[in-house]
Amino acid sequence: MSDRTAAVYFENPAYLGFIETQGAQIAEMAHAHGALCVVGADPISLGVLTPPADYGAAGSGADIVCGDIQSLGMHMQFGGGHAGYIATRDEAAYVMEYPSRLFGIAPTRVPGEYGFGDVAYERTSFAIREEGNEWVGTAAALWGITAGVYLALMGPQGMREIGESIMARSRYAALALDALPGVKAPLFAAPHFREFVVNFDDTGQTVAEINDGLRARGIFGGKDLSGEFPELGQSALYCVTEIHTQDDIDRLAHTMADVIQASGEVIA
């Protein structure tokens, strides 16, 4: 990192599932070099994790936060639907660059009444056509409404409970797999949210072989990481969410035990 660095981006939870506990230090390092701090945050985790804007001392947290809102009430549809979110400091330098229309609230002529309307209309494509900053899509807007309804129904307590439930289920799954011969889970000694890495080096099998065995028994296994992260050996990324029950997790563990036992190659 140097004074030529424009921005520092990191995810929390990280791509490999562990919770980044040094967010404040990363933000402070970025700001010390005049760079922005950008955090990719899973919104469903924010009922239990510190909001990125609050990393460190007041005013020293993330400048921009972004991510995917699929987890906020959107149905699973073989890869869709998806929509993103972005949040920044409430400063014109950031807000005027938003790639979307801006809506604000203002008092009307009726005392005590407020109305919503376009803000900074002069920056939109409606005013300056191809020079406009925003992109408007009905599909994304509809998913935004879905996420808004989900958050309203869940409330702060509901978001806390679902976050705690996901962490507990992820931990239960990791320990269940770690109990199998030759399996290490989670690979990293850190708290996790949803995803965690499972290592199969001591089973004598590759992730591809494990996944083939699971698929033959009706289970889709974890994402093979051996190509992306060869230093992690034969490791896969597993994910547990609020939709997985204890029976689902137990079935995965029992089935994986059968796959490992069938190979007969566990390294002592």
C-alpha atoms as a PDB file:
ATOM      1  CA  MET A   1       0.000   0.000   0.000  1.00  0.00           C
ATOM      2  CA  SER A   2       1.242   3.494  -0.869  1.00  0.00           C
ATOM      3  CA  ASP A   3       0.020   7.022  -1.479  1.00  0.00           C
ATOM      4  CA  ARG A   4      -0.814   5.865  -5.031  1.00  0.00           C
ATOM      5  CA  THR A   5      -3.434   3.461  -3.672  1.00  0.00           C
ATOM      6  CA  ALA A   6      -6.934   4.694  -4.548  1.00  0.00           C
ATOM      7  CA  ALA A   7      -8.955   2.250  -2.473  1.00  0.00           C
ATOM      8  CA  VAL A   8      -8.673  -0.880  -0.360  1.00  0.00           C
ATOM      9  CA  TYR A   9     -11.409  -3.494  -0.715  1.00  0.00           C
ATOM     10  CA  PHE A  10     -12.069  -6.465   1.536  1.00  0.00           C
ATOM     11  CA  GLU A  11     -15.038  -8.657   2.349  1.00  0.00           C
ATOM     12  CA  ASN A  12     -16.511  -9.454   5.725  1.00  0.00           C
ATOM     13  CA  PRO A  13     -17.341 -12.288   6.077  1.00  0.00           C
ATOM     14  CA  ALA A  14     -14.457 -13.217   3.797  1.00  0.00           C
ATOM     15  CA  TYR A  15     -14.777 -15.298   0.636  1.00  0.00           C
ATOM     16  CA  LEU A  16     -13.621 -18.336   2.624  1.00  0.00           C
ATOM     17  CA  GLY A  17     -16.238 -17.742   5.313  1.00  0.00           C
ATOM     18  CA  PHE A  18     -14.170 -16.545   8.250  1.00  0.00           C
ATOM     19  CA  ILE A  19     -15.059 -13.286   9.974  1.00  0.00           C
ATOM     20  CA  GLU A  20     -12.467 -10.549   9.484  1.00  0.00           C
ATOM     21  CA  THR A  21     -11.600  -9.260  12.957  1.00  0.00           C
ATOM     22  CA  GLN A  22      -9.124  -6.584  11.848  1.00  0.00           C
ATOM     23  CA  GLY A  23     -11.499  -4.382   9.883  1.00  0.00           C
ATOM     24  CA  ALA A  24     -10.656  -1.325  11.981  1.00  0.00           C
ATOM     25  CA  GLN A  25      -6.919  -1.724  11.376  1.00  0.00           C
ATOM     26  CA  ILE A  26      -7.440  -2.206   7.625  1.00  0.00           C
ATOM     27  CA  ALA A  27      -9.608   0.920   7.428  1.00  0.00           C
ATOM     28  CA  GLU A  28      -7.054   2.949   9.378  1.00  0.00           C
ATOM     29  CA  MET A  29      -4.220   1.785   7.103  1.00  0.00           C
ATOM     30  CA  ALA A  30      -6.209   2.742   4.002  1.00  0.00           C
ATOM     31  CA  HIS A  31      -7.056   6.185   5.344  1.00  0.00           C
ATOM     32  CA  ALA A  32      -3.460   6.764   6.463  1.00  0.00           C
ATOM     33  CA  HIS A  33      -2.454   6.540   2.782  1.00  0.00           C
ATOM     34  CA  GLY A  34      -5.336   8.709   1.586  1.00  0.00           C
ATOM     35  CA  ALA A  35      -7.232   5.730   0.162  1.00  0.00           C
ATOM     36  CA  LEU A  36     -10.892   4.867   0.460  1.00  0.00           C
ATOM     37  CA  CYS A  37     -11.945   1.828   2.477  1.00  0.00           C
ATOM     38  CA  VAL A  38     -14.525  -0.280   0.636  1.00  0.00           C
ATOM     39  CA  VAL A  39     -16.142  -3.277   2.342  1.00  0.00           C
ATOM     40  CA  GLY A  40     -18.203  -6.020   0.756  1.00  0.00           C
ATOM     41  CA  ALA A  41     -20.640  -7.072   3.485  1.00  0.00           C
ATOM     42  CA  ASP A  42     -23.286  -9.787   3.496  1.00  0.00           C
ATOM     43  CA  PRO A  43     -26.358  -7.888   4.733  1.00  0.00           C
ATOM     44  CA  ILE A  44     -27.831 -10.892   6.526  1.00  0.00           C
ATOM     45  CA  SER A  45     -24.714 -10.989   8.723  1.00  0.00           C
ATOM     46  CA  LEU A  46     -25.167  -7.448  10.007  1.00  0.00           C
ATOM     47  CA  GLY A  47     -27.613  -8.492  12.701  1.00  0.00           C
ATOM     48  CA  VAL A  48     -24.651 -10.023  14.552  1.00  0.00           C
ATOM     49  CA  LEU A  49     -21.564  -8.308  13.101  1.00  0.00           C
ATOM     50  CA  THR A  50     -20.395  -4.729  13.532  1.00  0.00           C
ATOM     51  CA  PRO A  51     -21.485  -2.522  10.606  1.00  0.00           C
ATOM     52  CA  PRO A  52     -18.453  -1.629   8.447  1.00  0.00           C
ATOM     53  CA  ALA A  53     -19.092   2.095   8.959  1.00  0.00           C
ATOM     54  CA  ASP A  54     -18.422   1.555  12.679  1.00  0.00           C
ATOM     55  CA  TYR A  55     -15.026  -0.123  12.312  1.00  0.00           C
ATOM     56  CA  GLY A  56     -12.574   1.658  14.590  1.00  0.00           C
ATOM     57  CA  ALA A  57     -13.015   5.139  16.023  1.00  0.00           C
ATOM     58  CA  ALA A  58     -15.845   7.393  14.894  1.00  0.00           C
ATOM     59  CA  GLY A  59     -15.394   8.440  11.285  1.00  0.00           C
ATOM     60  CA  SER A  60     -12.605   5.953  10.572  1.00  0.00           C
ATOM     61  CA  GLY A  61     -14.682   3.039   9.283  1.00  0.00           C
ATOM     62  CA  ALA A  62     -15.670   2.083   5.748  1.00  0.00           C
ATOM     63  CA  ASP A  63     -16.319   4.851   3.235  1.00  0.00           C
ATOM     64  CA  ILE A  64     -18.308   2.607   0.899  1.00  0.00           C
ATOM     65  CA  VAL A  65     -20.171  -0.625   1.678  1.00  0.00           C
ATOM     66  CA  CYS A  66     -21.637  -2.873  -1.009  1.00  0.00           C
ATOM     67  CA  GLY A  67     -22.861  -6.388  -1.572  1.00  0.00           C
ATOM     68  CA  ASP A  68     -25.626  -8.693  -2.744  1.00  0.00           C
ATOM     69  CA  ILE A  69     -29.123  -8.647  -1.246  1.00  0.00           C
ATOM     70  CA  GLN A  70     -30.133 -12.118  -2.473  1.00  0.00           C
ATOM     71  CA  SER A  71     -30.172 -13.382   1.107  1.00  0.00           C
ATOM     72  CA  LEU A  72     -32.862 -10.850   2.082  1.00  0.00           C
ATOM     73  CA  GLY A  73     -35.971 -12.806   1.192  1.00  0.00           C
ATOM     74  CA  MET A  74     -35.245 -13.621  -2.451  1.00  0.00           C
ATOM     75  CA  HIS A  75     -36.228 -17.094  -3.555  1.00  0.00           C
ATOM     76  CA  MET A  76     -33.574 -19.470  -4.843  1.00  0.00           C
ATOM     77  CA  GLN A  77     -34.048 -19.854  -8.591  1.00  0.00           C
ATOM     78  CA  PHE A  78     -31.067 -21.776  -9.956  1.00  0.00           C
ATOM     79  CA  GLY A  79     -28.753 -18.775  -9.635  1.00  0.00           C
ATOM     80  CA  GLY A  80     -31.253 -15.883  -9.377  1.00  0.00           C
ATOM     81  CA  GLY A  81     -32.628 -13.484  -8.550  1.00  0.00           C
ATOM     82  CA  HIS A  82     -30.009 -11.030  -7.525  1.00  0.00           C
ATOM     83  CA  ALA A  83     -29.673  -7.355  -6.789  1.00  0.00           C
ATOM     84  CA  GLY A  84     -26.901  -5.344  -5.239  1.00  0.00           C
ATOM     85  CA  TYR A  85     -26.772  -2.619  -2.653  1.00  0.00           C
ATOM     86  CA  ILE A  86     -24.355   0.226  -2.094  1.00  0.00           C
ATOM     87  CA  ALA A  87     -24.060   2.592   0.848  1.00  0.00           C
ATOM     88  CA  THR A  88     -21.672   5.473   1.426  1.00  0.00           C
ATOM     89  CA  ARG A  89     -20.996   8.302   3.783  1.00  0.00           C
ATOM     90  CA  ASP A  90     -23.742  10.920   3.588  1.00  0.00           C
ATOM     91  CA  GLU A  91     -21.547  13.334   1.668  1.00  0.00           C
ATOM     92  CA  ALA A  92     -22.171  14.872  -1.757  1.00  0.00           C
ATOM     93  CA  ALA A  93     -18.823  13.640  -3.103  1.00  0.00           C
ATOM     94  CA  TYR A  94     -20.094  10.065  -2.759  1.00  0.00           C
ATOM     95  CA  VAL A  95     -23.842  10.442  -3.157  1.00  0.00           C
ATOM     96  CA  MET A  96     -23.703  12.331  -6.458  1.00  0.00           C
ATOM     97  CA  GLU A  97     -21.821   9.406  -8.031  1.00  0.00           C
ATOM     98  CA  TYR A  98     -24.498   6.824  -7.263  1.00  0.00           C
ATOM     99  CA  PRO A  99     -25.410   4.817 -10.389  1.00  0.00           C
ATOM    100  CA  SER A 100     -29.110   5.120  -9.569  1.00  0.00           C
ATOM    101  CA  ARG A 101     -31.850   7.657  -9.111  1.00  0.00           C
ATOM    102  CA  LEU A 102     -31.943   9.396  -5.755  1.00  0.00           C
ATOM    103  CA  PHE A 103     -35.106   9.939  -3.758  1.00  0.00           C
ATOM    104  CA  GLY A 104     -35.409  12.268  -0.817  1.00  0.00           C
ATOM    105  CA  ILE A 105     -38.018  13.331   1.700  1.00  0.00           C
ATOM    106  CA  ALA A 106     -39.164  16.915   2.197  1.00  0.00           C
ATOM    107  CA  PRO A 107     -42.032  18.738   3.929  1.00  0.00           C
ATOM    108  CA  THR A 108     -45.055  19.677   1.816  1.00  0.00           C
ATOM    109  CA  ARG A 109     -47.305  22.724   2.113  1.00  0.00           C
ATOM    110  CA  VAL A 110     -49.446  20.766   4.573  1.00  0.00           C
ATOM    111  CA  PRO A 111     -48.063  21.097   8.126  1.00  0.00           C
ATOM    112  CA  GLY A 112     -46.681  17.786   9.392  1.00  0.00           C
ATOM    113  CA  GLU A 113     -46.899  16.149   5.962  1.00  0.00           C
ATOM    114  CA  TYR A 114     -43.875  14.879   4.039  1.00  0.00           C
ATOM    115  CA  GLY A 115     -43.437  13.739   0.469  1.00  0.00           C
ATOM    116  CA  PHE A 116     -40.878  11.776  -1.509  1.00  0.00           C
ATOM    117  CA  GLY A 117     -39.355  12.953  -4.764  1.00  0.00           C
ATOM    118  CA  ASP A 118     -36.346  12.988  -7.069  1.00  0.00           C
ATOM    119  CA  VAL A 119     -33.194  14.533  -5.636  1.00  0.00           C
ATOM    120  CA  ALA A 120     -30.482  16.078  -7.826  1.00  0.00           C
ATOM    121  CA  TYR A 121     -32.603  15.533 -10.920  1.00  0.00           C
ATOM    122  CA  GLU A 122     -30.047  17.396 -13.039  1.00  0.00           C
ATOM    123  CA  ARG A 123     -27.624  14.440 -12.801  1.00  0.00           C
ATOM    124  CA  THR A 124     -30.044  11.889 -14.294  1.00  0.00           C
ATOM    125  CA  SER A 125     -30.406  10.615 -17.847  1.00  0.00           C
ATOM    126  CA  PHE A 126     -33.841  12.213 -17.914  1.00  0.00           C
ATOM    127  CA  ALA A 127     -32.111  15.591 -17.757  1.00  0.00           C
ATOM    128  CA  ILE A 128     -28.818  15.031 -19.586  1.00  0.00           C
ATOM    129  CA  ARG A 129     -29.468  11.772 -21.479  1.00  0.00           C
ATOM    130  CA  GLU A 130     -26.306   9.743 -22.132  1.00  0.00           C
ATOM    131  CA  GLU A 131     -24.288  11.878 -19.722  1.00  0.00           C
ATOM    132  CA  GLY A 132     -26.431  10.811 -16.773  1.00  0.00           C
ATOM    133  CA  ASN A 133     -24.981   8.869 -13.854  1.00  0.00           C
ATOM    134  CA  GLU A 134     -27.860   6.538 -13.157  1.00  0.00           C
ATOM    135  CA  TRP A 135     -29.051   3.271 -14.594  1.00  0.00           C
ATOM    136  CA  VAL A 136     -32.646   2.303 -13.914  1.00  0.00           C
ATOM    137  CA  GLY A 137     -33.873  -1.283 -14.092  1.00  0.00           C
ATOM    138  CA  THR A 138     -37.318  -2.466 -13.051  1.00  0.00           C
ATOM    139  CA  ALA A 139     -36.134  -5.956 -12.089  1.00  0.00           C
ATOM    140  CA  ALA A 140     -33.543  -4.672  -9.633  1.00  0.00           C
ATOM    141  CA  ALA A 141     -36.033  -2.193  -8.187  1.00  0.00           C
ATOM    142  CA  LEU A 142     -38.553  -4.967  -7.573  1.00  0.00           C
ATOM    143  CA  TRP A 143     -35.942  -7.031  -5.747  1.00  0.00           C
ATOM    144  CA  GLY A 144     -35.147  -3.960  -3.688  1.00  0.00           C
ATOM    145  CA  ILE A 145     -38.784  -3.834  -2.614  1.00  0.00           C
ATOM    146  CA  THR A 146     -38.599  -7.526  -1.679  1.00  0.00           C
ATOM    147  CA  ALA A 147     -35.534  -6.882   0.470  1.00  0.00           C
ATOM    148  CA  GLY A 148     -37.204  -3.890   2.097  1.00  0.00           C
ATOM    149  CA  VAL A 149     -40.279  -5.910   3.032  1.00  0.00           C
ATOM    150  CA  TYR A 150     -38.083  -8.723   4.379  1.00  0.00           C
ATOM    151  CA  LEU A 151     -36.115  -6.337   6.592  1.00  0.00           C
ATOM    152  CA  ALA A 152     -39.290  -4.647   7.834  1.00  0.00           C
ATOM    153  CA  LEU A 153     -40.860  -7.977   8.774  1.00  0.00           C
ATOM    154  CA  MET A 154     -37.707  -9.313  10.440  1.00  0.00           C
ATOM    155  CA  GLY A 155     -36.834  -6.177  12.393  1.00  0.00           C
ATOM    156  CA  PRO A 156     -33.600  -5.763  14.390  1.00  0.00           C
ATOM    157  CA  GLN A 157     -34.323  -8.694  16.707  1.00  0.00           C
ATOM    158  CA  GLY A 158     -35.219 -10.997  13.828  1.00  0.00           C
ATOM    159  CA  MET A 159     -32.008 -10.149  11.984  1.00  0.00           C
ATOM    160  CA  ARG A 160     -30.012 -10.839  15.130  1.00  0.00           C
ATOM    161  CA  GLU A 161     -31.738 -14.197  15.614  1.00  0.00           C
ATOM    162  CA  ILE A 162     -31.232 -15.334  12.022  1.00  0.00           C
ATOM    163  CA  GLY A 163     -27.562 -14.333  12.168  1.00  0.00           C
ATOM    164  CA  GLU A 164     -27.049 -16.281  15.380  1.00  0.00           C
ATOM    165  CA  SER A 165     -28.890 -19.261  13.872  1.00  0.00           C
ATOM    166  CA  ILE A 166     -26.681 -19.281  10.768  1.00  0.00           C
ATOM    167  CA  MET A 167     -23.503 -19.114  12.853  1.00  0.00           C
ATOM    168  CA  ALA A 168     -24.705 -21.934  15.110  1.00  0.00           C
ATOM    169  CA  ARG A 169     -25.662 -24.155  12.163  1.00  0.00           C
ATOM    170  CA  SER A 170     -22.372 -23.458  10.405  1.00  0.00           C
ATOM    171  CA  ARG A 171     -20.480 -24.388  13.566  1.00  0.00           C
ATOM    172  CA  TYR A 172     -22.534 -27.552  14.024  1.00  0.00           C
ATOM    173  CA  ALA A 173     -21.845 -28.599  10.430  1.00  0.00           C
ATOM    174  CA  ALA A 174     -18.113 -27.910  10.693  1.00  0.00           C
ATOM    175  CA  LEU A 175     -17.792 -29.966  13.873  1.00  0.00           C
ATOM    176  CA  ALA A 176     -19.856 -32.808  12.390  1.00  0.00           C
ATOM    177  CA  LEU A 177     -17.540 -33.007   9.373  1.00  0.00           C
ATOM    178  CA  ASP A 178     -14.409 -32.567  11.493  1.00  0.00           C
ATOM    179  CA  ALA A 179     -15.372 -35.729  13.387  1.00  0.00           C
ATOM    180  CA  LEU A 180     -14.997 -37.802  10.202  1.00  0.00           C
ATOM    181  CA  PRO A 181     -11.720 -39.704   9.645  1.00  0.00           C
ATOM    182  CA  GLY A 182      -9.221 -37.699   7.604  1.00  0.00           C
ATOM    183  CA  VAL A 183     -11.384 -34.556   7.461  1.00  0.00           C
ATOM    184  CA  LYS A 184     -10.437 -31.197   8.969  1.00  0.00           C
ATOM    185  CA  ALA A 185     -13.147 -28.556   9.395  1.00  0.00           C
ATOM    186  CA  PRO A 186     -13.021 -25.673   9.609  1.00  0.00           C
ATOM    187  CA  LEU A 187      -9.546 -25.337   8.157  1.00  0.00           C
ATOM    188  CA  PHE A 188      -9.064 -21.881   9.680  1.00  0.00           C
ATOM    189  CA  ALA A 189      -9.211 -21.348  13.444  1.00  0.00           C
ATOM    190  CA  ALA A 190     -11.615 -18.411  13.342  1.00  0.00           C
ATOM    191  CA  PRO A 191     -15.320 -17.696  13.759  1.00  0.00           C
ATOM    192  CA  HIS A 192     -17.252 -18.301  10.544  1.00  0.00           C
ATOM    193  CA  PHE A 193     -20.488 -17.105   9.002  1.00  0.00           C
ATOM    194  CA  ARG A 194     -22.197 -19.494   6.546  1.00  0.00           C
ATOM    195  CA  GLU A 195     -19.136 -20.649   4.588  1.00  0.00           C
ATOM    196  CA  PHE A 196     -16.192 -22.616   5.936  1.00  0.00           C
ATOM    197  CA  VAL A 197     -13.319 -24.559   4.379  1.00  0.00           C
ATOM    198  CA  VAL A 198     -13.153 -28.353   4.668  1.00  0.00           C
ATOM    199  CA  ASN A 199      -9.833 -30.110   3.994  1.00  0.00           C
ATOM    200  CA  PHE A 200      -9.690 -33.705   2.709  1.00  0.00           C
ATOM    201  CA  ASP A 201      -5.910 -34.237   2.427  1.00  0.00           C
ATOM    202  CA  ASP A 202      -5.821 -37.034   5.000  1.00  0.00           C
ATOM    203  CA  THR A 203      -8.698 -38.953   3.409  1.00  0.00           C
ATOM    204  CA  GLY A 204      -6.490 -39.906   0.478  1.00  0.00           C
ATOM    205  CA  GLN A 205      -9.139 -38.546  -1.903  1.00  0.00           C
ATOM    206  CA  THR A 206      -9.432 -35.421  -3.997  1.00  0.00           C
ATOM    207  CA  VAL A 207     -12.305 -32.989  -3.628  1.00  0.00           C
ATOM    208  CA  ALA A 208     -13.518 -34.105  -7.054  1.00  0.00           C
ATOM    209  CA  GLU A 209     -13.673 -37.725  -5.872  1.00  0.00           C
ATOM    210  CA  ILE A 210     -15.485 -36.743  -2.676  1.00  0.00           C
ATOM    211  CA  ASN A 211     -17.980 -34.687  -4.676  1.00  0.00           C
ATOM    212  CA  ASP A 212     -18.532 -37.520  -7.153  1.00  0.00           C
ATOM    213  CA  GLY A 213     -19.337 -39.846  -4.270  1.00  0.00           C
ATOM    214  CA  LEU A 214     -21.711 -37.344  -2.676  1.00  0.00           C
ATOM    215  CA  ARG A 215     -23.448 -36.620  -5.972  1.00  0.00           C
ATOM    216  CA  ALA A 216     -23.971 -40.331  -6.581  1.00  0.00           C
ATOM    217  CA  ARG A 217     -25.791 -40.385  -3.238  1.00  0.00           C
ATOM    218  CA  GLY A 218     -27.956 -37.357  -3.987  1.00  0.00           C
ATOM    219  CA  ILE A 219     -25.925 -34.540  -2.397  1.00  0.00           C
ATOM    220  CA  PHE A 220     -24.171 -31.672  -4.160  1.00  0.00           C
ATOM    221  CA  GLY A 221     -20.825 -31.197  -2.413  1.00  0.00           C
ATOM    222  CA  GLY A 222     -18.725 -28.130  -1.654  1.00  0.00           C
ATOM    223  CA  LYS A 223     -16.974 -25.816  -4.108  1.00  0.00           C
ATOM    224  CA  ASP A 224     -13.579 -27.249  -5.074  1.00  0.00           C
ATOM    225  CA  LEU A 225     -10.856 -24.785  -4.009  1.00  0.00           C
ATOM    226  CA  SER A 226      -7.860 -26.830  -5.137  1.00  0.00           C
ATOM    227  CA  GLY A 227      -7.544 -24.838  -8.362  1.00  0.00           C
ATOM    228  CA  GLU A 228      -8.023 -21.376  -6.837  1.00  0.00           C
ATOM    229  CA  PHE A 229      -6.002 -22.007  -3.690  1.00  0.00           C
ATOM    230  CA  PRO A 230      -3.542 -24.873  -4.336  1.00  0.00           C
ATOM    231  CA  GLU A 231      -1.759 -23.997  -1.084  1.00  0.00           C
ATOM    232  CA  LEU A 232      -4.849 -25.247   0.786  1.00  0.00           C
ATOM    233  CA  GLY A 233      -4.464 -28.740  -0.661  1.00  0.00           C
ATOM    234  CA  GLN A 234      -7.603 -30.736  -1.336  1.00  0.00           C
ATOM    235  CA  SER A 235     -10.066 -28.313   0.217  1.00  0.00           C
ATOM    236  CA  ALA A 236     -13.652 -27.359  -0.532  1.00  0.00           C
ATOM    237  CA  LEU A 237     -15.896 -24.490   0.506  1.00  0.00           C
ATOM    238  CA  TYR A 238     -19.099 -25.554   2.241  1.00  0.00           C
ATOM    239  CA  CYS A 239     -22.029 -23.283   3.007  1.00  0.00           C
ATOM    240  CA  VAL A 240     -24.788 -23.592   5.603  1.00  0.00           C
ATOM    241  CA  THR A 241     -27.703 -21.158   5.700  1.00  0.00           C
ATOM    242  CA  GLU A 242     -30.949 -20.702   7.603  1.00  0.00           C
ATOM    243  CA  ILE A 243     -32.721 -23.121   5.251  1.00  0.00           C
ATOM    244  CA  HIS A 244     -30.573 -26.098   6.311  1.00  0.00           C
ATOM    245  CA  THR A 245     -31.944 -28.203   9.142  1.00  0.00           C
ATOM    246  CA  GLN A 246     -30.065 -30.395  11.595  1.00  0.00           C
ATOM    247  CA  ASP A 247     -31.315 -33.419   9.647  1.00  0.00           C
ATOM    248  CA  ASP A 248     -29.815 -31.975   6.445  1.00  0.00           C
ATOM    249  CA  ILE A 249     -26.444 -31.491   8.126  1.00  0.00           C
ATOM    250  CA  ASP A 250     -26.502 -34.940   9.741  1.00  0.00           C
ATOM    251  CA  ARG A 251     -27.327 -36.504   6.367  1.00  0.00           C
ATOM    252  CA  LEU A 252     -24.352 -34.724   4.796  1.00  0.00           C
ATOM    253  CA  ALA A 253     -22.012 -35.968   7.531  1.00  0.00           C
ATOM    254  CA  HIS A 254     -23.286 -39.561   7.389  1.00  0.00           C
ATOM    255  CA  THR A 255     -23.136 -39.637   3.593  1.00  0.00           C
ATOM    256  CA  MET A 256     -19.629 -38.194   3.527  1.00  0.00           C
ATOM    257  CA  ALA A 257     -18.556 -40.842   6.033  1.00  0.00           C
ATOM    258  CA  ASP A 258     -19.854 -43.504   3.628  1.00  0.00           C
ATOM    259  CA  VAL A 259     -17.928 -41.944   0.732  1.00  0.00           C
ATOM    260  CA  ILE A 260     -14.686 -41.855   2.729  1.00  0.00           C
ATOM    261  CA  GLN A 261     -15.143 -45.387   4.042  1.00  0.00           C
ATOM    262  CA  ALA A 262     -15.849 -46.697   0.539  1.00  0.00           C
ATOM    263  CA  SER A 263     -12.426 -45.510  -0.635  1.00  0.00           C
ATOM    264  CA  GLY A 264     -10.570 -47.208   2.218  1.00  0.00           C
ATOM    265  CA  GLU A 265      -7.623 -44.812   1.817  1.00  0.00           C
ATOM    266  CA  VAL A 266      -7.692 -42.747   4.998  1.00  0.00           C
ATOM    267  CA  ILE A 267      -4.176 -41.675   6.012  1.00  0.00           C
ATOM    268  CA  ALA A 268      -3.506 -42.508   9.648  1.00  0.00           C
END
